[in-house]
Amino acid sequence: MKRVVNDNLWATCRKESDMLKYLPGPIRGCISLLLYLLNTILLSTPLLIIAAFKFVIPVGIWRKCCDTVINWIAGSWIAINNWNIRLTNPARWDVQGVDALNEKGWYMVVANHQSWLDILVLQKIFHGKVPFLKFFLKKELIWVPFLGLAWWALDFPFMKRYTQSFLKKNPHLKGKDLEITQKACEKFKTMPVSVMNFLEGTRFTPEKHRRQQSPFVHLLKPKAGGIAFVLAAMGEQMHQMLNVTIAYPDGARNFWQFLCGNVKEIRVHVESLPIDPELVGDYFTNKKFRITFQNHLNVMWAEKDALLATLMYQPVASHVPASEAENAKSLGVSRQCPDMLQS
């Protein structure tokens, strides 16, 4: 019965989508944006009310129940956003490597970063397949209307970035981000979670690539400190590392361009890797471990750079729209990659 209902809903969505595709891009973008805003406002309101009760009553079992409800609301928000994408957006999706994932597991998720659209992509492909993604966010993002407070309620860690010159003048703030990471990891141990980390630390641009003198063609240099600390705190609890490569064959676009239908295709490859015990250690005081960890990460990043080039320039004809594959439950024909983190 559930499959019949899903198929009927999908057919209805496809018909509505076919009608919308004849509208000019900006109009379709406005419709999609309005749906995003309504969804965010309507679902963030009960989420914040429950978060307030969670804050006021400091009882462990009560807070765990509140977290369950809050995560359910957040998952519903993503599900409606995914429906919005299917309804209003004509982009072709090619997603590989997500079939064998477990919604009740603990995952360390790493990905390249080109656009704010990356977050929407990750939420779409992992919805219902892994626990809710938790990002490390800039502290300034807490002021984003509705979303900022929602991220706070969902226990997203807010990081304050300091320049080296600022830390020299204020040495007492050194290591503050690691303290925040440690507190976040303690919260993440209470229920299944997917900890998301953009290892480049910022979005890729040609200017940043040139300024960094990155040895990679399509990537910035990866930053090892954050992921090393999370693995040290939760490595034994993490089931797998998910190495995600996101490619936009027509070039990275911003969120508004995506809403208007200017993103023609999105290709995503997910590689599941075991958490190598050799990658769990003291990154900040053990020099030998730090060098080993950085070498592993650089090898993984070189592989990602090569894969990204393949995804960027592979002919479209060889790809299957993820929307059709999703409906047929046939996503995730994964390429076999060498186990880079155990070399």
Foldseek 3Di string as FASTA:
>chain_A
DVLVVVVVVLVVLQVLQVVQVPDFLLVLLVVLVVQLVVLLVVLLVVLLVLLVVLVVDVDDVSVVVSLVVLQVSVLVSLVSNLSSCSNRAQAFEFEAAQQPAAQQAAEEEEEAAAEPCVVNVVSNVCRPRHRDEAEAAAQVQLPPPSVNSSNVSNLRQHDHDDDPVVCVVVVVCPCVRLVSLLVSLVVCVPGHYYYYDHQLNDHDDPVQCVVQVAPFDRGRQGHQVSVLSSCQNCVVRHAWYKYKYKEQLVHDDYPSCRSSHVRHYIYMAIDTAGRDPLSHDDCPPDPVSVVLNSVLVVQVVNVSRVVRVCVNPPDPVVGDGVSVCVSVVNHHPHDDDPNSNVD
